[in-house]
Protein backbone atom coordinates (compact mmCIF):
# COMPACT_ATOMS: atom_id res chain seq x y z
CA MET A 1 -6.30 -5.62 -14.78
CA ARG A 2 -9.77 -4.50 -15.82
CA ALA A 3 -9.37 -6.57 -18.78
CA ARG A 4 -8.87 -9.65 -16.65
CA GLY A 5 -11.82 -8.72 -14.47
CA ALA A 6 -9.93 -7.61 -11.67
CA VAL A 7 -9.65 -4.61 -9.53
CA PHE A 8 -6.81 -3.18 -8.16
CA LEU A 9 -7.07 -1.49 -4.45
CA ALA A 10 -4.18 -0.37 -2.00
CA ILE A 11 -4.50 -0.56 1.70
CA SER A 12 -1.95 1.44 4.01
CA GLY A 13 -2.40 1.59 7.80
CA ASP A 14 -1.74 5.76 7.14
CA SER A 15 -4.47 8.18 7.48
CA THR A 16 -6.82 9.47 4.67
CA PHE A 17 -5.33 12.77 5.26
CA SER A 18 -1.39 11.53 4.52
CA HIS A 19 -2.88 9.35 1.47
CA GLU A 20 -4.06 12.55 -0.35
CA ALA A 21 -0.60 14.15 -0.85
CA PHE A 22 0.94 10.76 -1.62
CA LEU A 23 -1.64 9.92 -4.15
CA LYS A 24 -1.18 13.31 -5.84
CA ALA A 25 2.66 12.65 -5.76
CA GLN A 26 2.16 9.26 -7.02
CA ASN A 27 -0.72 10.00 -9.58
CA PHE A 28 -1.89 5.99 -8.85
CA PRO A 29 -4.74 4.67 -11.14
CA PHE A 30 -6.23 3.03 -8.28
CA PRO A 31 -7.97 3.75 -4.71
CA LEU A 32 -5.46 3.80 -1.45
CA LEU A 33 -7.70 2.69 1.46
CA SER A 34 -6.85 3.59 4.89
CA ASP A 35 -6.67 0.98 7.64
CA ILE A 36 -5.39 2.82 10.50
CA HIS A 37 -7.03 0.38 12.97
CA ARG A 38 -5.06 -2.24 11.22
CA GLN A 39 -8.09 -4.70 11.00
CA ALA A 40 -6.91 -6.06 7.12
CA ILE A 41 -3.51 -6.11 7.93
CA ARG A 42 -3.78 -8.50 11.03
CA ALA A 43 -6.45 -10.27 9.05
CA TYR A 44 -4.02 -11.08 6.25
CA GLY A 45 -0.96 -11.93 8.77
CA VAL A 46 1.07 -8.77 7.32
CA HIS A 47 1.16 -6.81 10.66
CA ASP A 48 4.73 -5.97 12.20
CA GLU A 49 3.76 -5.59 15.72
CA ASP A 50 7.13 -4.12 16.86
CA ARG A 51 6.75 -1.50 14.44
CA ASN A 52 2.98 -0.98 13.98
CA VAL A 53 3.45 -1.19 10.25
CA ALA A 54 2.06 -3.83 7.57
CA TYR A 55 4.67 -5.46 5.60
CA ARG A 56 4.67 -4.82 1.75
CA SER A 57 2.37 -7.06 0.66
CA THR A 58 0.35 -8.38 -2.34
CA PHE A 59 -2.92 -10.52 -2.38
CA ILE A 60 -4.87 -12.08 -5.16
CA VAL A 61 -8.60 -12.39 -3.79
CA ASP A 62 -11.09 -14.24 -6.02
CA ARG A 63 -14.68 -13.21 -7.14
CA ASP A 64 -15.83 -15.60 -4.16
CA GLY A 65 -13.50 -13.99 -1.56
CA LEU A 66 -11.04 -16.82 -1.48
CA LEU A 67 -7.29 -15.94 -0.87
CA ARG A 68 -5.91 -17.31 -4.23
CA TRP A 69 -2.25 -15.72 -4.06
CA GLY A 70 -0.37 -13.75 -1.78
CA GLN A 71 3.52 -12.60 -1.09
CA ALA A 72 4.92 -10.26 1.81
CA GLY A 73 7.95 -8.75 2.06
CA ASP A 74 9.95 -5.75 3.89
CA ARG A 75 9.75 -2.46 2.27
CA HIS A 76 13.03 -3.24 0.09
CA MET A 77 11.38 -5.86 -1.52
CA VAL A 78 10.45 -5.20 -5.22
CA ARG A 79 7.21 -5.99 -6.76
CA ASP A 80 6.69 -7.71 -10.14
CA GLY A 81 3.61 -7.12 -11.49
CA SER A 82 4.21 -9.59 -14.41
CA GLU A 83 3.51 -12.46 -11.79
CA VAL A 84 0.48 -10.87 -10.70
CA LEU A 85 -0.63 -10.93 -14.06
CA ARG A 86 0.40 -14.47 -14.82
CA VAL A 87 -1.60 -15.51 -11.65
CA LEU A 88 -5.17 -13.58 -12.69
CA ASP A 89 -4.16 -15.77 -16.20
CA VAL A 90 -4.40 -19.03 -14.14
CA ILE A 91 -7.54 -18.35 -12.13
CA ASP A 92 -9.11 -17.08 -15.27
CA ARG A 93 -8.38 -20.51 -16.94
CA VAL A 94 -8.94 -22.68 -14.13
CA ARG A 95 -12.58 -20.50 -13.72
CA LYS A 96 -13.50 -21.59 -17.29
CA ALA A 97 -12.48 -24.74 -17.22
């Protein structure tokens, strides 16, 4: 990701305390941010109000803060990292044009 000038962040509605154990078990190479007040989750339109959780989502925001791409689904949805890399490459080509 860094080779493409991107920064990867994860956001969860869980507390920072629950993140600590989860991060140790998963050994993620990126930060996991806590959104216990659901501000980011609501702002991106992925808050499941009935269950008070976020839909599993991926968003690409460019350097200017513009939402360039996103997808959301239930917790069983599999993410394709190659699609994220493809979108980053498209954004980079457009920016250089």
